[in-house]
PDB file of N, CA and C in Angstrom:
ATOM      1  N   UNK A   1      13.775  -4.452   4.632  1.00  0.00           N
ATOM      2  CA  UNK A   1      13.169  -5.131   3.624  1.00  0.00           C
ATOM      3  C   UNK A   1      12.173  -3.983   3.209  1.00  0.00           C
ATOM      4  N   UNK A   2      11.308  -3.677   4.216  1.00  0.00           N
ATOM      5  CA  UNK A   2      10.290  -2.740   3.832  1.00  0.00           C
ATOM      6  C   UNK A   2      10.668  -1.260   3.468  1.00  0.00           C
ATOM      7  N   UNK A   3      12.035  -1.195   3.797  1.00  0.00           N
ATOM      8  CA  UNK A   3      12.373   0.353   3.294  1.00  0.00           C
ATOM      9  C   UNK A   3      12.609   0.038   1.681  1.00  0.00           C
ATOM     10  N   UNK A   4      13.050  -1.305   1.311  1.00  0.00           N
ATOM     11  CA  UNK A   4      13.345  -1.479  -0.229  1.00  0.00           C
ATOM     12  C   UNK A   4      12.250  -1.391  -0.997  1.00  0.00           C
ATOM     13  N   UNK A   5      11.099  -2.008  -0.269  1.00  0.00           N
ATOM     14  CA  UNK A   5       9.715  -1.951  -0.756  1.00  0.00           C
ATOM     15  C   UNK A   5       9.207  -0.442  -0.963  1.00  0.00           C
ATOM     16  N   UNK A   6       9.506   0.149  -0.136  1.00  0.00           N
ATOM     17  CA  UNK A   6       8.926   1.879  -0.102  1.00  0.00           C
ATOM     18  C   UNK A   6       9.975   2.416  -0.991  1.00  0.00           C
ATOM     19  N   UNK A   7      11.264   2.182  -1.235  1.00  0.00           N
ATOM     20  CA  UNK A   7      11.811   2.891  -2.211  1.00  0.00           C
ATOM     21  C   UNK A   7      11.592   2.422  -3.481  1.00  0.00           C
ATOM     22  N   UNK A   8      11.210   1.333  -4.078  1.00  0.00           N
ATOM     23  CA  UNK A   8      10.610   0.828  -5.081  1.00  0.00           C
ATOM     24  C   UNK A   8       9.108   1.549  -5.481  1.00  0.00           C
ATOM     25  N   UNK A   9       8.446   1.491  -4.612  1.00  0.00           N
ATOM     26  CA  UNK A   9       7.225   2.481  -4.593  1.00  0.00           C
ATOM     27  C   UNK A   9       7.310   3.777  -5.193  1.00  0.00           C
ATOM     28  N   UNK A  10       8.179   4.524  -4.348  1.00  0.00           N
ATOM     29  CA  UNK A  10       8.650   5.895  -4.604  1.00  0.00           C
ATOM     30  C   UNK A  10       9.071   6.319  -5.796  1.00  0.00           C
ATOM     31  N   UNK A  11      10.021   4.985  -6.526  1.00  0.00           N
ATOM     32  CA  UNK A  11      10.367   5.055  -8.101  1.00  0.00           C
ATOM     33  C   UNK A  11       9.024   5.133  -8.897  1.00  0.00           C
ATOM     34  N   UNK A  12       8.220   4.296  -8.664  1.00  0.00           N
ATOM     35  CA  UNK A  12       6.850   4.226  -9.443  1.00  0.00           C
ATOM     36  C   UNK A  12       5.994   5.413  -9.158  1.00  0.00           C
ATOM     37  N   UNK A  13       6.004   6.040  -8.113  1.00  0.00           N
ATOM     38  CA  UNK A  13       5.458   7.592  -8.028  1.00  0.00           C
ATOM     39  C   UNK A  13       6.066   8.422  -8.553  1.00  0.00           C
ATOM     40  N   UNK A  14       6.985   8.695  -9.330  1.00  0.00           N
ATOM     41  CA  UNK A  14       7.798   9.779  -9.745  1.00  0.00           C
ATOM     42  C   UNK A  14       6.866  10.159 -11.080  1.00  0.00           C
ATOM     43  N   UNK A  15       6.576  11.504 -10.953  1.00  0.00           N
ATOM     44  CA  UNK A  15       5.615  12.024 -11.891  1.00  0.00           C
ATOM     45  C   UNK A  15       4.032  11.794 -11.841  1.00  0.00           C
ATOM     46  N   UNK A  16       3.668  11.346 -10.581  1.00  0.00           N
ATOM     47  CA  UNK A  16       2.367  10.886 -10.624  1.00  0.00           C
ATOM     48  C   UNK A  16       1.955  11.701  -9.292  1.00  0.00           C
ATOM     49  N   UNK A  17       0.666  11.821  -9.150  1.00  0.00           N
ATOM     50  CA  UNK A  17       0.168  12.362  -7.973  1.00  0.00           C
ATOM     51  C   UNK A  17      -0.887  11.280  -7.186  1.00  0.00           C
ATOM     52  N   UNK A  18      -0.842  11.249  -6.025  1.00  0.00           N
ATOM     53  CA  UNK A  18      -1.695  10.656  -5.349  1.00  0.00           C
ATOM     54  C   UNK A  18      -2.444  11.177  -4.217  1.00  0.00           C
ATOM     55  N   UNK A  19      -3.672  11.544  -4.549  1.00  0.00           N
ATOM     56  CA  UNK A  19      -4.561  12.019  -3.388  1.00  0.00           C
ATOM     57  C   UNK A  19      -4.911  11.499  -2.385  1.00  0.00           C
ATOM     58  N   UNK A  20      -4.574  11.763  -1.019  1.00  0.00           N
ATOM     59  CA  UNK A  20      -5.006  10.868   0.125  1.00  0.00           C
ATOM     60  C   UNK A  20      -3.610  10.329   0.737  1.00  0.00           C
ATOM     61  N   UNK A  21      -3.937   9.415   1.867  1.00  0.00           N
ATOM     62  CA  UNK A  21      -3.038   8.754   2.360  1.00  0.00           C
ATOM     63  C   UNK A  21      -3.360   7.572   2.660  1.00  0.00           C
ATOM     64  N   UNK A  22      -2.257   6.606   2.395  1.00  0.00           N
ATOM     65  CA  UNK A  22      -2.486   5.267   2.740  1.00  0.00           C
ATOM     66  C   UNK A  22      -1.440   4.416   3.394  1.00  0.00           C
ATOM     67  N   UNK A  23      -1.770   3.414   4.439  1.00  0.00           N
ATOM     68  CA  UNK A  23      -0.642   3.041   4.916  1.00  0.00           C
ATOM     69  C   UNK A  23      -0.937   1.250   4.688  1.00  0.00           C
ATOM     70  N   UNK A  24       0.324   0.768   4.157  1.00  0.00           N
ATOM     71  CA  UNK A  24       0.320  -0.808   4.316  1.00  0.00           C
ATOM     72  C   UNK A  24       0.976  -1.245   5.743  1.00  0.00           C
ATOM     73  N   UNK A  25       0.078  -1.916   6.770  1.00  0.00           N
ATOM     74  CA  UNK A  25       0.319  -2.383   7.770  1.00  0.00           C
ATOM     75  C   UNK A  25       0.923  -3.881   7.856  1.00  0.00           C
ATOM     76  N   UNK A  26       2.227  -3.905   7.812  1.00  0.00           N
ATOM     77  CA  UNK A  26       2.670  -5.407   7.818  1.00  0.00           C
ATOM     78  C   UNK A  26       2.793  -5.825   9.393  1.00  0.00           C
ATOM     79  N   UNK A  27       2.167  -5.304  10.094  1.00  0.00           N
ATOM     80  CA  UNK A  27       2.361  -6.081  11.711  1.00  0.00           C
ATOM     81  C   UNK A  27       3.672  -5.820  12.258  1.00  0.00           C
ATOM     82  N   UNK A  28       4.257  -6.914  12.725  1.00  0.00           N
ATOM     83  CA  UNK A  28       5.735  -6.668  13.393  1.00  0.00           C
ATOM     84  C   UNK A  28       6.773  -6.115  12.175  1.00  0.00           C
ATOM     85  N   UNK A  29       6.529  -6.458  10.943  1.00  0.00           N
ATOM     86  CA  UNK A  29       7.400  -6.161  10.204  1.00  0.00           C
ATOM     87  C   UNK A  29       7.694  -4.561   9.816  1.00  0.00           C
ATOM     88  N   UNK A  30       6.597  -3.932  10.196  1.00  0.00           N
ATOM     89  CA  UNK A  30       6.437  -2.318  10.147  1.00  0.00           C
ATOM     90  C   UNK A  30       5.450  -1.962   9.145  1.00  0.00           C
ATOM     91  N   UNK A  31       5.419  -0.441   8.646  1.00  0.00           N
ATOM     92  CA  UNK A  31       4.629  -0.110   7.917  1.00  0.00           C
ATOM     93  C   UNK A  31       5.322   0.538   6.622  1.00  0.00           C
ATOM     94  N   UNK A  32       4.442   0.951   5.385  1.00  0.00           N
ATOM     95  CA  UNK A  32       4.840   1.789   4.479  1.00  0.00           C
ATOM     96  C   UNK A  32       3.614   2.850   4.317  1.00  0.00           C
ATOM     97  N   UNK A  33       4.157   3.781   4.390  1.00  0.00           N
ATOM     98  CA  UNK A  33       2.956   4.937   4.228  1.00  0.00           C
ATOM     99  C   UNK A  33       3.111   5.803   3.037  1.00  0.00           C
ATOM    100  N   UNK A  34       1.940   5.787   2.293  1.00  0.00           N
ATOM    101  CA  UNK A  34       1.925   6.791   1.007  1.00  0.00           C
ATOM    102  C   UNK A  34       1.373   7.865   1.558  1.00  0.00           C
ATOM    103  N   UNK A  35       2.096   9.071   1.502  1.00  0.00           N
ATOM    104  CA  UNK A  35       1.346  10.438   1.709  1.00  0.00           C
ATOM    105  C   UNK A  35       2.269  11.576   1.004  1.00  0.00           C
ATOM    106  N   UNK A  36       1.546  12.653   0.513  1.00  0.00           N
ATOM    107  CA  UNK A  36       1.994  13.620  -0.187  1.00  0.00           C
ATOM    108  C   UNK A  36       2.787  13.152  -1.166  1.00  0.00           C
ATOM    109  N   UNK A  37       2.597  12.182  -1.892  1.00  0.00           N
ATOM    110  CA  UNK A  37       3.209  11.837  -3.110  1.00  0.00           C
ATOM    111  C   UNK A  37       4.598  11.149  -2.833  1.00  0.00           C
ATOM    112  N   UNK A  38       4.792  10.503  -1.542  1.00  0.00           N
ATOM    113  CA  UNK A  38       6.101  10.120  -1.045  1.00  0.00           C
ATOM    114  C   UNK A  38       5.637   8.689  -0.398  1.00  0.00           C
ATOM    115  N   UNK A  39       6.523   7.959  -0.245  1.00  0.00           N
ATOM    116  CA  UNK A  39       6.664   6.470   0.323  1.00  0.00           C
ATOM    117  C   UNK A  39       7.530   6.281   1.406  1.00  0.00           C
ATOM    118  N   UNK A  40       7.135   6.014   2.541  1.00  0.00           N
ATOM    119  CA  UNK A  40       7.912   6.185   3.844  1.00  0.00           C
ATOM    120  C   UNK A  40       7.661   4.956   4.683  1.00  0.00           C
ATOM    121  N   UNK A  41       8.734   4.578   5.665  1.00  0.00           N
ATOM    122  CA  UNK A  41       8.498   3.390   6.533  1.00  0.00           C
ATOM    123  C   UNK A  41       8.114   4.089   8.013  1.00  0.00           C
ATOM    124  N   UNK A  42       7.586   5.679   7.895  1.00  0.00           N
ATOM    125  CA  UNK A  42       7.389   6.126   9.192  1.00  0.00           C
ATOM    126  C   UNK A  42       6.287   6.204   9.261  1.00  0.00           C
ATOM    127  N   UNK A  43       5.535   5.395  10.441  1.00  0.00           N
ATOM    128  CA  UNK A  43       4.243   5.495  10.751  1.00  0.00           C
ATOM    129  C   UNK A  43       3.501   6.822  11.189  1.00  0.00           C
ATOM    130  N   UNK A  44       2.162   6.957  10.493  1.00  0.00           N
ATOM    131  CA  UNK A  44       1.564   7.887  10.977  1.00  0.00           C
ATOM    132  C   UNK A  44      -0.043   7.818  10.327  1.00  0.00           C
ATOM    133  N   UNK A  45      -0.839   8.599  10.790  1.00  0.00           N
ATOM    134  CA  UNK A  45      -2.470   8.401  10.564  1.00  0.00           C
ATOM    135  C   UNK A  45      -2.640   8.734   9.145  1.00  0.00           C
ATOM    136  N   UNK A  46      -3.314   7.653   8.465  1.00  0.00           N
ATOM    137  CA  UNK A  46      -3.673   7.808   7.190  1.00  0.00           C
ATOM    138  C   UNK A  46      -5.307   7.687   6.849  1.00  0.00           C
ATOM    139  N   UNK A  47      -5.703   8.057   5.918  1.00  0.00           N
ATOM    140  CA  UNK A  47      -7.299   7.855   5.106  1.00  0.00           C
ATOM    141  C   UNK A  47      -7.514   6.363   5.194  1.00  0.00           C
ATOM    142  N   UNK A  48      -6.769   5.766   4.704  1.00  0.00           N
ATOM    143  CA  UNK A  48      -6.857   4.175   4.511  1.00  0.00           C
ATOM    144  C   UNK A  48      -5.863   3.452   5.011  1.00  0.00           C
ATOM    145  N   UNK A  49      -6.088   2.172   5.631  1.00  0.00           N
ATOM    146  CA  UNK A  49      -5.155   1.418   6.108  1.00  0.00           C
ATOM    147  C   UNK A  49      -5.314  -0.049   5.502  1.00  0.00           C
ATOM    148  N   UNK A  50      -4.157  -0.764   4.665  1.00  0.00           N
ATOM    149  CA  UNK A  50      -4.520  -1.962   4.487  1.00  0.00           C
ATOM    150  C   UNK A  50      -3.454  -3.072   5.234  1.00  0.00           C
ATOM    151  N   UNK A  51      -4.160  -3.812   5.685  1.00  0.00           N
ATOM    152  CA  UNK A  51      -3.263  -4.815   6.782  1.00  0.00           C
ATOM    153  C   UNK A  51      -3.037  -6.092   5.959  1.00  0.00           C
ATOM    154  N   UNK A  52      -1.606  -6.249   5.787  1.00  0.00           N
ATOM    155  CA  UNK A  52      -1.156  -7.196   4.705  1.00  0.00           C
ATOM    156  C   UNK A  52       0.090  -7.923   5.152  1.00  0.00           C
ATOM    157  N   UNK A  53       0.453  -9.134   4.952  1.00  0.00           N
ATOM    158  CA  UNK A  53       1.425  -9.359   5.381  1.00  0.00           C
ATOM    159  C   UNK A  53       2.780  -9.166   4.340  1.00  0.00           C
ATOM    160  N   UNK A  54       3.997  -8.977   4.821  1.00  0.00           N
ATOM    161  CA  UNK A  54       5.022  -8.451   4.068  1.00  0.00           C
ATOM    162  C   UNK A  54       5.139  -9.339   2.580  1.00  0.00           C
ATOM    163  N   UNK A  55       4.947 -10.797   2.533  1.00  0.00           N
ATOM    164  CA  UNK A  55       5.129 -11.305   1.597  1.00  0.00           C
ATOM    165  C   UNK A  55       3.924 -11.115   0.657  1.00  0.00           C
ATOM    166  N   UNK A  56       2.578 -10.961   1.150  1.00  0.00           N
ATOM    167  CA  UNK A  56       1.414 -10.631   0.088  1.00  0.00           C
ATOM    168  C   UNK A  56       1.689  -9.200  -0.364  1.00  0.00           C
ATOM    169  N   UNK A  57       2.121  -8.359   0.305  1.00  0.00           N
ATOM    170  CA  UNK A  57       2.424  -6.915  -0.067  1.00  0.00           C
ATOM    171  C   UNK A  57       3.353  -7.082  -1.395  1.00  0.00           C
ATOM    172  N   UNK A  58       4.432  -7.955  -1.367  1.00  0.00           N
ATOM    173  CA  UNK A  58       5.242  -7.906  -2.579  1.00  0.00           C
ATOM    174  C   UNK A  58       4.471  -8.319  -3.605  1.00  0.00           C
ATOM    175  N   UNK A  59       3.517  -9.764  -3.383  1.00  0.00           N
ATOM    176  CA  UNK A  59       2.762 -10.301  -4.401  1.00  0.00           C
ATOM    177  C   UNK A  59       1.556  -9.142  -4.940  1.00  0.00           C
ATOM    178  N   UNK A  60       0.927  -8.419  -4.344  1.00  0.00           N
ATOM    179  CA  UNK A  60       0.286  -7.327  -4.562  1.00  0.00           C
ATOM    180  C   UNK A  60       0.877  -6.348  -5.425  1.00  0.00           C
ATOM    181  N   UNK A  61       2.031  -5.835  -5.027  1.00  0.00           N
ATOM    182  CA  UNK A  61       2.808  -4.709  -5.913  1.00  0.00           C
ATOM    183  C   UNK A  61       3.444  -5.428  -7.205  1.00  0.00           C
ATOM    184  N   UNK A  62       3.456  -6.657  -7.205  1.00  0.00           N
ATOM    185  CA  UNK A  62       4.258  -7.259  -8.394  1.00  0.00           C
ATOM    186  C   UNK A  62       3.075  -7.827  -9.431  1.00  0.00           C
ATOM    187  N   UNK A  63       1.751  -7.733  -8.809  1.00  0.00           N
ATOM    188  CA  UNK A  63       0.617  -8.147  -9.925  1.00  0.00           C
ATOM    189  C   UNK A  63       0.311  -9.633  -9.719  1.00  0.00           C
ATOM    190  N   UNK A  64       0.950 -10.106  -8.728  1.00  0.00           N
ATOM    191  CA  UNK A  64       0.871 -11.564  -8.500  1.00  0.00           C
ATOM    192  C   UNK A  64      -0.524 -11.885  -7.555  1.00  0.00           C
ATOM    193  N   UNK A  65      -0.859 -11.012  -7.053  1.00  0.00           N
ATOM    194  CA  UNK A  65      -2.187 -11.145  -6.144  1.00  0.00           C
ATOM    195  C   UNK A  65      -3.087  -9.952  -6.562  1.00  0.00           C
ATOM    196  N   UNK A  66      -4.129 -10.441  -6.849  1.00  0.00           N
ATOM    197  CA  UNK A  66      -5.438  -9.487  -7.251  1.00  0.00           C
ATOM    198  C   UNK A  66      -5.875  -8.785  -6.067  1.00  0.00           C
ATOM    199  N   UNK A  67      -6.072  -7.563  -5.971  1.00  0.00           N
ATOM    200  CA  UNK A  67      -6.626  -6.798  -4.655  1.00  0.00           C
ATOM    201  C   UNK A  67      -8.047  -7.389  -4.251  1.00  0.00           C
ATOM    202  N   UNK A  68      -8.851  -7.592  -5.167  1.00  0.00           N
ATOM    203  CA  UNK A  68     -10.297  -8.398  -4.898  1.00  0.00           C
ATOM    204  C   UNK A  68      -9.933  -9.478  -4.326  1.00  0.00           C
ATOM    205  N   UNK A  69      -9.231 -10.439  -4.940  1.00  0.00           N
ATOM    206  CA  UNK A  69      -9.076 -11.818  -4.612  1.00  0.00           C
ATOM    207  C   UNK A  69      -8.541 -11.886  -3.360  1.00  0.00           C
ATOM    208  N   UNK A  70      -7.437 -10.956  -2.850  1.00  0.00           N
ATOM    209  CA  UNK A  70      -6.783 -10.914  -1.657  1.00  0.00           C
ATOM    210  C   UNK A  70      -7.751 -10.357  -0.570  1.00  0.00           C
ATOM    211  N   UNK A  71      -8.621  -9.508  -0.757  1.00  0.00           N
ATOM    212  CA  UNK A  71      -9.833  -9.177   0.051  1.00  0.00           C
ATOM    213  C   UNK A  71     -10.603 -10.531   0.165  1.00  0.00           C
ATOM    214  N   UNK A  72     -11.223 -11.211  -0.812  1.00  0.00           N
ATOM    215  CA  UNK A  72     -11.987 -12.361  -0.597  1.00  0.00           C
ATOM    216  C   UNK A  72     -11.145 -13.574   0.369  1.00  0.00           C
ATOM    217  N   UNK A  73      -9.976 -13.661   0.038  1.00  0.00           N
ATOM    218  CA  UNK A  73      -9.488 -14.806   0.666  1.00  0.00           C
ATOM    219  C   UNK A  73      -9.032 -14.304   2.106  1.00  0.00           C
ATOM    220  N   UNK A  74      -8.799 -13.090   2.543  1.00  0.00           N
ATOM    221  CA  UNK A  74      -8.721 -12.493   3.756  1.00  0.00           C
ATOM    222  C   UNK A  74      -7.120 -12.438   3.895  1.00  0.00           C
ATOM    223  N   UNK A  75      -6.439 -11.989   2.723  1.00  0.00           N
ATOM    224  CA  UNK A  75      -5.022 -11.971   2.502  1.00  0.00           C
ATOM    225  C   UNK A  75      -4.872 -10.637   2.812  1.00  0.00           C
ATOM    226  N   UNK A  76      -5.676  -9.731   2.941  1.00  0.00           N
ATOM    227  CA  UNK A  76      -5.830  -8.151   3.172  1.00  0.00           C
ATOM    228  C   UNK A  76      -6.834  -7.796   3.775  1.00  0.00           C
ATOM    229  N   UNK A  77      -6.747  -6.711   4.523  1.00  0.00           N
ATOM    230  CA  UNK A  77      -7.912  -6.115   5.240  1.00  0.00           C
ATOM    231  C   UNK A  77      -7.997  -4.735   4.998  1.00  0.00           C
ATOM    232  N   UNK A  78      -8.861  -4.048   4.619  1.00  0.00           N
ATOM    233  CA  UNK A  78      -8.677  -2.740   4.062  1.00  0.00           C
ATOM    234  C   UNK A  78      -9.836  -1.968   5.256  1.00  0.00           C
ATOM    235  N   UNK A  79      -9.109  -0.990   5.775  1.00  0.00           N
ATOM    236  CA  UNK A  79     -10.171  -0.113   6.789  1.00  0.00           C
ATOM    237  C   UNK A  79      -9.952   1.483   6.474  1.00  0.00           C
ATOM    238  N   UNK A  80     -10.730   2.025   6.572  1.00  0.00           N
ATOM    239  CA  UNK A  80     -10.886   3.511   6.411  1.00  0.00           C
ATOM    240  C   UNK A  80     -11.432   3.812   4.966  1.00  0.00           C
ATOM    241  N   UNK A  81     -11.114   4.905   4.282  1.00  0.00           N
ATOM    242  CA  UNK A  81     -11.809   5.388   3.051  1.00  0.00           C
ATOM    243  C   UNK A  81     -11.074   4.607   1.924  1.00  0.00           C
ATOM    244  N   UNK A  82     -12.296   3.832   1.546  1.00  0.00           N
ATOM    245  CA  UNK A  82     -12.164   2.840   0.187  1.00  0.00           C
ATOM    246  C   UNK A  82     -11.664   3.329  -0.896  1.00  0.00           C
ATOM    247  N   UNK A  83     -12.176   4.754  -0.970  1.00  0.00           N
ATOM    248  CA  UNK A  83     -11.920   5.544  -2.336  1.00  0.00           C
ATOM    249  C   UNK A  83     -10.535   5.605  -2.490  1.00  0.00           C
ATOM    250  N   UNK A  84      -9.588   5.816  -1.341  1.00  0.00           N
ATOM    251  CA  UNK A  84      -8.215   5.967  -1.437  1.00  0.00           C
ATOM    252  C   UNK A  84      -7.397   4.609  -1.812  1.00  0.00           C
ATOM    253  N   UNK A  85      -8.024   3.585  -1.428  1.00  0.00           N
ATOM    254  CA  UNK A  85      -7.609   2.073  -1.700  1.00  0.00           C
ATOM    255  C   UNK A  85      -7.546   1.894  -3.623  1.00  0.00           C
ATOM    256  N   UNK A  86      -9.187   2.306  -3.893  1.00  0.00           N
ATOM    257  CA  UNK A  86      -9.194   2.269  -5.352  1.00  0.00           C
ATOM    258  C   UNK A  86      -8.241   3.000  -6.007  1.00  0.00           C
ATOM    259  N   UNK A  87      -7.915   4.169  -5.661  1.00  0.00           N
ATOM    260  CA  UNK A  87      -7.048   4.980  -6.339  1.00  0.00           C
ATOM    261  C   UNK A  87      -5.553   4.204  -6.262  1.00  0.00           C
ATOM    262  N   UNK A  88      -5.153   3.728  -5.332  1.00  0.00           N
ATOM    263  CA  UNK A  88      -3.769   2.752  -5.269  1.00  0.00           C
ATOM    264  C   UNK A  88      -3.716   2.033  -6.586  1.00  0.00           C
ATOM    265  N   UNK A  89      -4.898   1.341  -6.920  1.00  0.00           N
ATOM    266  CA  UNK A  89      -4.913   0.295  -8.124  1.00  0.00           C
ATOM    267  C   UNK A  89      -4.616   0.949  -9.248  1.00  0.00           C
ATOM    268  N   UNK A  90      -5.200   2.412  -9.617  1.00  0.00           N
ATOM    269  CA  UNK A  90      -5.041   3.132 -10.883  1.00  0.00           C
ATOM    270  C   UNK A  90      -3.427   3.420 -11.040  1.00  0.00           C
ATOM    271  N   UNK A  91      -2.979   3.731  -9.464  1.00  0.00           N
ATOM    272  CA  UNK A  91      -1.682   4.241  -9.546  1.00  0.00           C
ATOM    273  C   UNK A  91      -0.473   3.393  -9.895  1.00  0.00           C
ATOM    274  N   UNK A  92      -0.773   2.054  -9.351  1.00  0.00           N
ATOM    275  CA  UNK A  92       0.157   1.206  -9.574  1.00  0.00           C
ATOM    276  C   UNK A  92      -0.194   0.376 -10.788  1.00  0.00           C
ATOM    277  N   UNK A  93      -1.249   0.082 -11.361  1.00  0.00           N
ATOM    278  CA  UNK A  93      -1.540  -0.224 -12.508  1.00  0.00           C
ATOM    279  C   UNK A  93      -0.623  -0.334 -13.715  1.00  0.00           C
TER     280      UNK A  93
END
């Protein structure tokens, strides 16, 4: 499932640049890493990590979960460089 999500993110990244690196950490379900304008499920160190369930990740990426609301409700936790997390919103928006 995460590979499918990573593939969809990759389609959205085509023609766009993303400075920095970001990891969606979905716990036991795995990770999606955005680095070097690529989306993969290979774990690595990143500038920013977003801990989120797979279900909430899908909601976030489809616009059904507002990032600020998600943080306020504890549905996602951001650690590391917050500037990278902010760039994600512009990229996906």
